N, C-alpha and C. Protein backbone atom coordinates (compact mmCIF):
# COMPACT_ATOMS: atom_id res chain seq x y z
N MET A 1 27.66 4.71 0.58
CA MET A 1 26.31 5.50 -0.34
C MET A 1 25.08 5.31 0.73
N GLN A 2 24.19 5.84 0.22
CA GLN A 2 23.06 5.97 1.20
C GLN A 2 22.37 4.73 1.05
N ASN A 3 21.16 5.08 2.30
CA ASN A 3 20.36 4.01 2.69
C ASN A 3 19.65 3.77 1.51
N LEU A 4 18.94 2.89 0.32
CA LEU A 4 18.37 2.71 -0.97
C LEU A 4 17.38 1.43 -0.47
N TYR A 5 15.85 1.81 -1.18
CA TYR A 5 14.82 1.29 -0.99
C TYR A 5 14.53 1.16 -2.24
N GLU A 6 14.92 -0.27 -2.88
CA GLU A 6 14.85 -0.44 -4.17
C GLU A 6 13.60 -1.50 -4.66
N ASN A 7 13.21 -1.35 -5.76
CA ASN A 7 11.80 -1.82 -5.84
C ASN A 7 11.80 -2.11 -7.69
N LYS A 8 10.90 -3.08 -8.59
CA LYS A 8 10.67 -3.15 -9.35
C LYS A 8 9.75 -3.15 -9.89
N ASP A 9 8.78 -2.11 -9.07
CA ASP A 9 7.50 -2.14 -9.36
C ASP A 9 7.17 -0.47 -10.07
N PHE A 10 7.05 -0.13 -11.45
CA PHE A 10 7.28 0.70 -12.45
C PHE A 10 5.75 1.64 -11.50
N TYR A 11 4.72 0.85 -11.61
CA TYR A 11 3.71 2.04 -10.96
C TYR A 11 4.08 2.38 -9.27
N LEU A 12 4.50 1.59 -8.49
CA LEU A 12 4.88 2.27 -7.43
C LEU A 12 5.82 3.17 -7.11
N SER A 13 6.84 3.15 -8.07
CA SER A 13 7.78 4.22 -8.03
C SER A 13 7.34 5.60 -8.77
N ALA A 14 6.46 5.17 -9.78
CA ALA A 14 5.46 6.53 -10.07
C ALA A 14 4.89 6.92 -9.33
N PHE A 15 4.07 6.13 -8.10
CA PHE A 15 3.55 6.74 -7.26
C PHE A 15 4.47 7.39 -5.88
N LEU A 16 5.54 6.86 -6.03
CA LEU A 16 6.25 7.73 -5.05
C LEU A 16 7.11 8.96 -5.65
N MET A 17 7.08 9.03 -6.76
CA MET A 17 7.78 10.24 -7.07
C MET A 17 6.40 11.29 -7.26
N ALA A 18 5.40 11.00 -7.73
CA ALA A 18 3.94 11.92 -7.73
C ALA A 18 3.73 11.99 -6.12
N SER A 19 4.46 11.64 -5.14
CA SER A 19 4.20 11.97 -3.76
C SER A 19 5.35 12.71 -3.17
N GLY A 20 6.06 13.37 -4.04
CA GLY A 20 7.54 14.16 -4.23
C GLY A 20 8.48 13.56 -3.26
N LEU A 21 8.76 12.19 -3.54
CA LEU A 21 10.27 11.61 -3.46
C LEU A 21 10.82 11.31 -4.62
N ASP A 22 12.13 11.67 -4.55
CA ASP A 22 12.96 11.88 -5.67
C ASP A 22 13.48 10.06 -6.15
N LEU A 23 13.83 9.99 -7.53
CA LEU A 23 14.03 8.57 -7.84
C LEU A 23 16.17 8.77 -8.03
N VAL A 24 16.67 8.35 -7.22
CA VAL A 24 17.74 8.26 -7.17
C VAL A 24 18.87 7.18 -7.34
N ASP A 25 18.29 6.32 -8.26
CA ASP A 25 18.85 5.26 -8.92
C ASP A 25 17.88 4.57 -9.57
N HIS A 26 18.18 3.65 -10.71
CA HIS A 26 17.62 2.93 -11.19
C HIS A 26 18.86 2.42 -12.34
N HIS A 27 18.71 0.85 -12.29
CA HIS A 27 19.48 -0.06 -13.13
C HIS A 27 18.66 -1.12 -13.55
N ARG A 28 19.20 -1.72 -14.47
CA ARG A 28 18.60 -2.80 -15.09
C ARG A 28 19.38 -4.02 -14.68
N VAL A 29 18.48 -5.48 -14.42
CA VAL A 29 18.98 -6.85 -14.11
C VAL A 29 18.42 -7.21 -14.80
N GLY A 30 18.88 -7.91 -15.84
CA GLY A 30 18.18 -8.93 -17.47
C GLY A 30 17.65 -7.86 -17.67
N ALA A 31 16.61 -8.39 -17.95
CA ALA A 31 15.10 -7.42 -18.66
C ALA A 31 14.52 -6.51 -17.61
N ILE A 32 14.63 -6.63 -16.63
CA ILE A 32 14.14 -5.61 -15.09
C ILE A 32 14.73 -4.75 -14.96
N THR A 33 14.22 -3.96 -14.76
CA THR A 33 14.68 -2.34 -14.21
C THR A 33 14.84 -2.06 -12.81
N ILE A 34 15.31 -1.86 -12.21
CA ILE A 34 15.18 -1.83 -10.61
C ILE A 34 15.16 -0.35 -10.12
N PHE A 35 14.28 0.13 -9.44
CA PHE A 35 14.05 1.86 -9.19
C PHE A 35 14.84 1.86 -7.61
N GLY A 36 15.22 2.73 -7.26
CA GLY A 36 15.78 2.96 -6.04
C GLY A 36 15.39 4.88 -5.87
N PHE A 37 15.19 4.28 -4.35
CA PHE A 37 14.83 5.71 -3.21
C PHE A 37 15.70 5.58 -2.26
N GLU A 38 15.63 7.02 -1.80
CA GLU A 38 16.60 7.08 -0.32
C GLU A 38 15.28 6.32 0.54
N LYS A 39 15.44 5.48 1.20
CA LYS A 39 15.09 4.73 2.46
C LYS A 39 14.86 5.53 3.50
N ASN A 40 13.66 6.10 3.81
CA ASN A 40 13.26 6.56 5.17
C ASN A 40 11.81 6.37 5.69
N LYS A 41 11.60 6.82 6.41
CA LYS A 41 9.76 6.50 7.17
C LYS A 41 9.21 7.08 6.29
N LYS A 42 9.16 8.24 5.51
CA LYS A 42 8.08 8.46 4.51
C LYS A 42 7.52 8.18 3.66
N LEU A 43 8.86 7.20 3.18
CA LEU A 43 8.60 6.06 1.75
C LEU A 43 8.27 5.25 2.46
N MET A 44 8.52 4.51 3.38
CA MET A 44 8.06 3.69 4.13
C MET A 44 6.41 3.55 3.90
N ASN A 45 5.83 4.70 4.68
CA ASN A 45 4.63 5.13 4.90
C ASN A 45 3.64 5.17 3.84
N LEU A 46 4.64 6.06 2.45
CA LEU A 46 4.28 5.82 1.30
C LEU A 46 3.76 4.24 0.53
N VAL A 47 4.78 3.37 0.95
CA VAL A 47 4.91 2.10 -0.03
C VAL A 47 3.52 1.85 0.77
N ASP A 48 3.72 1.71 2.20
CA ASP A 48 2.56 1.07 2.92
C ASP A 48 0.85 1.51 2.48
N GLN A 49 1.16 2.76 2.23
CA GLN A 49 -0.42 3.15 1.90
C GLN A 49 -0.39 2.60 0.30
N TYR A 50 -0.16 2.55 -0.35
CA TYR A 50 0.38 2.31 -1.92
C TYR A 50 -0.34 0.59 -1.88
N TYR A 51 0.44 -0.40 -1.28
CA TYR A 51 -0.10 -1.43 -1.07
C TYR A 51 -1.43 -1.88 -0.26
N ALA A 52 -1.52 -1.27 0.37
CA ALA A 52 -3.13 -0.91 1.37
C ALA A 52 -4.10 -0.48 0.11
N MET A 53 -3.57 0.13 -0.57
CA MET A 53 -4.55 0.81 -1.70
C MET A 53 -5.25 1.86 -1.38
N LYS A 54 -4.72 2.64 -0.08
CA LYS A 54 -4.71 3.72 0.73
C LYS A 54 -4.42 5.31 -0.15
N GLY A 55 -3.30 4.66 -0.82
CA GLY A 55 -2.33 5.89 -0.98
C GLY A 55 -3.10 6.87 -1.95
N SER A 56 -2.82 8.19 -2.35
CA SER A 56 -3.37 9.42 -2.81
C SER A 56 -2.69 10.41 -3.58
N VAL A 57 -2.75 10.29 -4.69
CA VAL A 57 -2.16 11.40 -5.76
C VAL A 57 -2.83 11.78 -6.71
N THR A 58 -2.25 13.04 -7.07
CA THR A 58 -3.36 13.93 -8.40
C THR A 58 -3.25 13.17 -9.53
N PRO A 59 -4.33 12.69 -9.85
CA PRO A 59 -4.12 11.60 -11.09
C PRO A 59 -3.12 12.33 -12.72
N MET A 60 -3.44 13.66 -12.87
CA MET A 60 -2.49 14.22 -13.51
C MET A 60 -0.72 14.44 -13.20
N LYS A 61 -0.71 14.22 -12.09
CA LYS A 61 0.86 14.01 -11.23
C LYS A 61 1.12 12.72 -11.63
N TYR A 62 0.29 11.86 -11.60
CA TYR A 62 0.65 10.43 -11.23
C TYR A 62 1.04 10.22 -12.70
N GLY A 63 -0.45 10.53 -13.51
CA GLY A 63 0.55 10.44 -15.11
C GLY A 63 1.72 10.99 -15.53
N THR A 64 1.95 11.95 -15.24
CA THR A 64 3.28 12.56 -15.77
C THR A 64 4.49 11.61 -15.00
N TYR A 65 4.55 11.68 -13.91
CA TYR A 65 5.75 10.35 -13.47
C TYR A 65 5.68 8.80 -14.12
N ILE A 66 4.66 9.06 -14.53
CA ILE A 66 4.48 7.37 -15.24
C ILE A 66 5.02 8.17 -17.22
N ARG A 67 5.25 8.57 -17.22
CA ARG A 67 5.16 8.95 -18.67
C ARG A 67 6.87 9.48 -18.28
N ASN A 68 7.44 10.27 -17.54
CA ASN A 68 8.59 10.49 -17.12
C ASN A 68 9.53 9.23 -16.82
N LEU A 69 8.67 8.15 -16.21
CA LEU A 69 9.74 6.89 -15.83
C LEU A 69 9.69 6.18 -17.08
N LYS A 70 8.54 5.87 -17.90
CA LYS A 70 9.10 5.73 -18.98
C LYS A 70 9.90 6.15 -20.09
N SER A 71 10.06 7.65 -20.14
CA SER A 71 11.02 8.19 -20.86
C SER A 71 12.59 7.84 -20.46
N ILE A 72 12.78 7.79 -18.62
CA ILE A 72 13.90 7.05 -18.19
C ILE A 72 14.32 6.16 -18.73
N LEU A 73 13.38 4.93 -19.14
CA LEU A 73 13.75 3.58 -19.20
C LEU A 73 13.36 3.74 -20.80
N HIS A 74 13.24 4.22 -21.71
CA HIS A 74 13.22 4.15 -22.82
C HIS A 74 14.83 4.60 -23.50
N ASN A 75 15.15 5.51 -22.97
CA ASN A 75 16.37 6.32 -22.85
C ASN A 75 17.40 5.44 -22.50
N ALA A 76 17.72 4.76 -21.39
CA ALA A 76 18.56 3.79 -20.89
C ALA A 76 18.40 2.51 -21.48
N LEU A 77 17.47 1.88 -22.15
CA LEU A 77 17.46 0.96 -23.02
C LEU A 77 18.10 1.43 -24.48
N SER A 78 17.96 2.63 -24.89
CA SER A 78 18.50 2.92 -26.07
C SER A 78 19.79 3.39 -26.02
N GLU A 79 20.66 3.76 -24.70
CA GLU A 79 21.91 3.77 -24.63
C GLU A 79 22.05 2.30 -24.44
N SER A 80 22.25 1.27 -23.65
CA SER A 80 22.37 0.32 -23.74
C SER A 80 22.19 -0.46 -25.33
N ASN A 81 21.46 -0.62 -25.83
CA ASN A 81 21.45 -1.03 -27.33
C ASN A 81 22.62 -0.23 -27.92
N SER A 82 22.77 1.22 -27.76
CA SER A 82 23.73 1.81 -28.85
C SER A 82 25.13 1.62 -28.27
N GLU A 83 25.52 0.93 -26.94
CA GLU A 83 26.74 0.42 -26.41
C GLU A 83 26.53 -1.05 -26.88
N VAL A 84 25.98 -1.62 -27.04
CA VAL A 84 26.10 -3.24 -27.58
C VAL A 84 26.02 -2.88 -29.11
N ASN A 85 25.61 -2.48 -29.45
CA ASN A 85 25.84 -2.20 -31.22
C ASN A 85 27.06 -1.97 -31.65
N TYR A 86 27.86 -1.16 -30.82
CA TYR A 86 29.32 -0.58 -30.92
C TYR A 86 30.00 -1.56 -30.37
N VAL A 87 29.82 -2.32 -29.56
CA VAL A 87 30.51 -3.46 -29.14
C VAL A 87 30.73 -4.25 -30.39
N LYS A 88 29.57 -4.86 -30.68
CA LYS A 88 29.56 -5.83 -31.85
C LYS A 88 30.37 -5.57 -32.94
N GLN A 89 30.26 -4.13 -33.41
CA GLN A 89 30.72 -3.59 -34.73
C GLN A 89 32.29 -3.14 -34.64
N ASN A 90 32.45 -3.29 -33.56
CA ASN A 90 34.15 -2.92 -33.43
C ASN A 90 34.80 -4.20 -32.74
N LYS A 91 34.16 -5.16 -32.92
CA LYS A 91 35.03 -6.79 -32.52
C LYS A 91 36.22 -6.86 -32.93
N LYS A 92 37.26 -7.04 -32.26
CA LYS A 92 38.83 -7.73 -32.60
C LYS A 92 39.08 -9.06 -32.13
N GLY A 93 39.13 -9.95 -32.80
CA GLY A 93 39.11 -11.03 -32.49
C GLY A 93 38.54 -11.74 -31.14
N LYS A 94 38.83 -12.37 -30.16
CA LYS A 94 37.94 -12.57 -29.39
C LYS A 94 37.49 -11.68 -27.99
N TYR A 95 38.52 -10.51 -27.83
CA TYR A 95 38.05 -9.54 -27.40
C TYR A 95 37.90 -8.08 -27.98
N PHE A 96 37.16 -7.42 -27.22
CA PHE A 96 36.53 -6.41 -28.15
C PHE A 96 36.62 -5.03 -27.54
N SER A 97 36.47 -3.56 -28.17
CA SER A 97 36.74 -2.62 -27.58
C SER A 97 35.30 -1.60 -27.16
N ARG A 98 35.78 -1.13 -26.10
CA ARG A 98 34.49 -0.62 -25.25
C ARG A 98 34.38 0.99 -25.46
N GLY A 99 35.76 1.52 -26.20
CA GLY A 99 35.93 2.49 -26.60
C GLY A 99 36.72 3.35 -25.89
């Protein structure tokens, strides 16, 4: 697998996407979502700019990626809840079916 930069900062992730980087992975660890980007020099420069408060993206683009990430999180959470509900409804003894 590729070299990933993972973070749990929602707004950093939106900033990285608005700066032209692709979100290549996201997964939940408990209640926290981890976002993954391909780790390279451009990414690390953008992360440094973000935390130094020197990064810049157009406001409309940033807002768009905030909404996109919220949609991704909502869809992932909905799918996760659907699977949990399916498993709860289809228990058989102490083992249960996942489909």
